[in-house]
Every structure is written in C-alpha cells, then in structure tokens.
Amino acid sequence: MIGQQYLVTINVPPLLEEAMVDCLLTVESSNGFSSLAVSAHGSEHETLSLAEQVAGRKKQIRFQMYVPEEQLEVLIGVLKKDFLGAGLHYWVMPVLESGII
C-alpha cells in the first residue's frame, strides 16, 4: 500500500442519495465508492418520524470509499460545505490492509 488510506463511511437520508452520488462522483471519481441501504438504530427519537419510532429504525443510504490521506481533508470539507445541516453521519477509519484476492 502506498501512503495511508482511510475508509470513509457516510450515512445519508434516502432523499439525499442522488445528491451524494453526484457529489462523490465529482470528488471521489478516481477511487470509486459503494452504496447500500441500511437501517440506523439509536436513541435519538427526536430525529425520527412517527413511523420510524414505531419501527425502531431509520432508513439510510450508506456510502463507503477508500480515500488517500491527501484527499481526506478535501472530501470532508466538500461534504461539510455542500450538506451543511442535512443530518449526515460520517466516520473515518484507517485502513490497515486491503487488496483483491
């Protein structure tokens, strides 16, 4: 592996899926990304609709991508600017190893 890479995970409301795809295709087109539907669970009921409170889960779309260290600050900066107040939840983890087998 050349240089430190990070796994960036972003959970977004389904209504923002296409906007996030467009954003990531612009910022992260060289590395690509994955997306999948997930159910978010938590105790912050004020952010849930009545139906979500009854179901005990919130539908989200999760995006994941490998980001080289030198591009990480740019990506996070664009997300903070373009999605300010949108309720995105993200986290960044160092990648110890990756490959194709």
C-alpha atoms as a PDB file:
ATOM      1  CA  MET A   1       0.000   0.000   0.000  1.00  0.00           C
ATOM      2  CA  ILE A   2       1.364   3.393  -0.959  1.00  0.00           C
ATOM      3  CA  GLY A   3       0.580   6.065   1.651  1.00  0.00           C
ATOM      4  CA  GLN A   4      -2.060   5.892   4.356  1.00  0.00           C
ATOM      5  CA  GLN A   5      -5.595   5.214   3.219  1.00  0.00           C
ATOM      6  CA  TYR A   6      -8.828   5.714   5.149  1.00  0.00           C
ATOM      7  CA  LEU A   7     -12.237   4.103   4.932  1.00  0.00           C
ATOM      8  CA  VAL A   8     -14.851   6.855   4.942  1.00  0.00           C
ATOM      9  CA  THR A   9     -18.420   5.837   5.767  1.00  0.00           C
ATOM     10  CA  ILE A  10     -21.331   8.248   5.335  1.00  0.00           C
ATOM     11  CA  ASN A  11     -24.968   7.579   6.223  1.00  0.00           C
ATOM     12  CA  VAL A  12     -27.459   9.839   4.439  1.00  0.00           C
ATOM     13  CA  PRO A  13     -31.252  10.113   4.363  1.00  0.00           C
ATOM     14  CA  PRO A  14     -32.708   8.419   1.244  1.00  0.00           C
ATOM     15  CA  LEU A  15     -33.836  11.789  -0.149  1.00  0.00           C
ATOM     16  CA  LEU A  16     -30.169  12.822  -0.416  1.00  0.00           C
ATOM     17  CA  GLU A  17     -28.954   9.671  -2.162  1.00  0.00           C
ATOM     18  CA  GLU A  18     -28.728  11.170  -5.667  1.00  0.00           C
ATOM     19  CA  ALA A  19     -27.139  14.388  -4.420  1.00  0.00           C
ATOM     20  CA  MET A  20     -24.493  12.352  -2.568  1.00  0.00           C
ATOM     21  CA  VAL A  21     -23.840  10.196  -5.641  1.00  0.00           C
ATOM     22  CA  ASP A  22     -23.321  13.332  -7.728  1.00  0.00           C
ATOM     23  CA  CYS A  23     -21.037  14.835  -5.088  1.00  0.00           C
ATOM     24  CA  LEU A  24     -18.911  11.700  -4.704  1.00  0.00           C
ATOM     25  CA  LEU A  25     -18.629  11.178  -8.457  1.00  0.00           C
ATOM     26  CA  THR A  26     -17.163  14.671  -8.649  1.00  0.00           C
ATOM     27  CA  VAL A  27     -14.835  14.409  -5.649  1.00  0.00           C
ATOM     28  CA  GLU A  28     -14.009  10.689  -5.498  1.00  0.00           C
ATOM     29  CA  SER A  29     -14.280   9.550  -9.109  1.00  0.00           C
ATOM     30  CA  SER A  30     -10.760   8.111  -9.241  1.00  0.00           C
ATOM     31  CA  ASN A  31     -11.285   5.697  -6.345  1.00  0.00           C
ATOM     32  CA  GLY A  32     -14.951   4.806  -6.685  1.00  0.00           C
ATOM     33  CA  PHE A  33     -17.357   4.089  -3.851  1.00  0.00           C
ATOM     34  CA  SER A  34     -20.061   1.682  -2.744  1.00  0.00           C
ATOM     35  CA  SER A  35     -23.576   2.350  -1.524  1.00  0.00           C
ATOM     36  CA  LEU A  36     -26.190   0.237   0.186  1.00  0.00           C
ATOM     37  CA  ALA A  37     -29.448   0.601   2.070  1.00  0.00           C
ATOM     38  CA  VAL A  38     -29.105   0.287   5.852  1.00  0.00           C
ATOM     39  CA  SER A  39     -31.280   0.677   8.916  1.00  0.00           C
ATOM     40  CA  ALA A  40     -29.964   3.062  11.546  1.00  0.00           C
ATOM     41  CA  HIS A  41     -30.885   2.358  15.167  1.00  0.00           C
ATOM     42  CA  GLY A  42     -30.405   4.715  18.075  1.00  0.00           C
ATOM     43  CA  SER A  43     -31.934   6.553  20.973  1.00  0.00           C
ATOM     44  CA  GLU A  44     -32.290   9.983  19.332  1.00  0.00           C
ATOM     45  CA  HIS A  45     -36.070   9.747  18.827  1.00  0.00           C
ATOM     46  CA  GLU A  46     -36.489  13.449  18.036  1.00  0.00           C
ATOM     47  CA  THR A  47     -34.907  12.854  14.619  1.00  0.00           C
ATOM     48  CA  LEU A  48     -37.287  10.001  13.777  1.00  0.00           C
ATOM     49  CA  SER A  49     -40.694  10.209  12.136  1.00  0.00           C
ATOM     50  CA  LEU A  50     -43.618   8.575  13.944  1.00  0.00           C
ATOM     51  CA  ALA A  51     -43.397   5.535  11.631  1.00  0.00           C
ATOM     52  CA  GLU A  52     -39.640   5.247  12.281  1.00  0.00           C
ATOM     53  CA  GLN A  53     -40.225   5.457  16.046  1.00  0.00           C
ATOM     54  CA  VAL A  54     -42.733   2.595  15.844  1.00  0.00           C
ATOM     55  CA  ALA A  55     -40.404   0.516  13.653  1.00  0.00           C
ATOM     56  CA  GLY A  56     -37.368   1.328  15.823  1.00  0.00           C
ATOM     57  CA  ARG A  57     -35.198   2.143  12.839  1.00  0.00           C
ATOM     58  CA  LYS A  58     -34.435   4.873  10.355  1.00  0.00           C
ATOM     59  CA  LYS A  59     -33.796   4.065   6.698  1.00  0.00           C
ATOM     60  CA  GLN A  60     -30.485   5.426   5.465  1.00  0.00           C
ATOM     61  CA  ILE A  61     -28.173   5.013   2.497  1.00  0.00           C
ATOM     62  CA  ARG A  62     -24.578   4.164   3.431  1.00  0.00           C
ATOM     63  CA  PHE A  63     -21.706   5.206   1.211  1.00  0.00           C
ATOM     64  CA  GLN A  64     -18.212   3.790   1.719  1.00  0.00           C
ATOM     65  CA  MET A  65     -14.980   4.616  -0.037  1.00  0.00           C
ATOM     66  CA  TYR A  66     -11.227   4.375   0.358  1.00  0.00           C
ATOM     67  CA  VAL A  67      -9.647   7.815   0.486  1.00  0.00           C
ATOM     68  CA  PRO A  68      -5.915   8.550   0.396  1.00  0.00           C
ATOM     69  CA  GLU A  69      -4.721  10.731   3.265  1.00  0.00           C
ATOM     70  CA  GLU A  70      -4.011  13.697   0.983  1.00  0.00           C
ATOM     71  CA  GLN A  71      -7.638  13.734  -0.290  1.00  0.00           C
ATOM     72  CA  LEU A  72      -9.382  13.185   3.058  1.00  0.00           C
ATOM     73  CA  GLU A  73      -9.490  16.830   4.145  1.00  0.00           C
ATOM     74  CA  VAL A  74     -10.813  17.890   0.731  1.00  0.00           C
ATOM     75  CA  LEU A  75     -13.617  15.298   0.817  1.00  0.00           C
ATOM     76  CA  ILE A  76     -14.729  16.159   4.351  1.00  0.00           C
ATOM     77  CA  GLY A  77     -14.583  19.877   3.515  1.00  0.00           C
ATOM     78  CA  VAL A  78     -16.822  19.442   0.464  1.00  0.00           C
ATOM     79  CA  LEU A  79     -19.317  17.360   2.468  1.00  0.00           C
ATOM     80  CA  LYS A  80     -19.464  19.968   5.239  1.00  0.00           C
ATOM     81  CA  LYS A  81     -19.998  22.753   2.702  1.00  0.00           C
ATOM     82  CA  ASP A  82     -22.488  21.018   0.397  1.00  0.00           C
ATOM     83  CA  PHE A  83     -24.541  19.184   3.057  1.00  0.00           C
ATOM     84  CA  LEU A  84     -24.484  21.611   5.989  1.00  0.00           C
ATOM     85  CA  GLY A  85     -27.422  20.831   8.306  1.00  0.00           C
ATOM     86  CA  ALA A  86     -28.502  17.765   6.297  1.00  0.00           C
ATOM     87  CA  GLY A  87     -28.069  15.318   9.175  1.00  0.00           C
ATOM     88  CA  LEU A  88     -25.305  13.253   7.589  1.00  0.00           C
ATOM     89  CA  HIS A  89     -23.464  10.885   9.910  1.00  0.00           C
ATOM     90  CA  TYR A  90     -19.901  10.043   8.891  1.00  0.00           C
ATOM     91  CA  TRP A  91     -16.845   8.377  10.324  1.00  0.00           C
ATOM     92  CA  VAL A  92     -13.282   7.798   9.169  1.00  0.00           C
ATOM     93  CA  MET A  93     -11.155   4.751   9.963  1.00  0.00           C
ATOM     94  CA  PRO A  94      -7.566   3.975   8.975  1.00  0.00           C
ATOM     95  CA  VAL A  95      -7.181   1.054   6.560  1.00  0.00           C
ATOM     96  CA  LEU A  96      -4.567  -1.375   7.818  1.00  0.00           C
ATOM     97  CA  GLU A  97      -4.672  -3.598   4.752  1.00  0.00           C
ATOM     98  CA  SER A  98      -6.706  -4.016   1.580  1.00  0.00           C
ATOM     99  CA  GLY A  99      -6.428  -5.928  -1.624  1.00  0.00           C
ATOM    100  CA  ILE A 100      -8.076  -8.220  -4.111  1.00  0.00           C
ATOM    101  CA  ILE A 101      -7.880 -11.977  -3.658  1.00  0.00           C
END
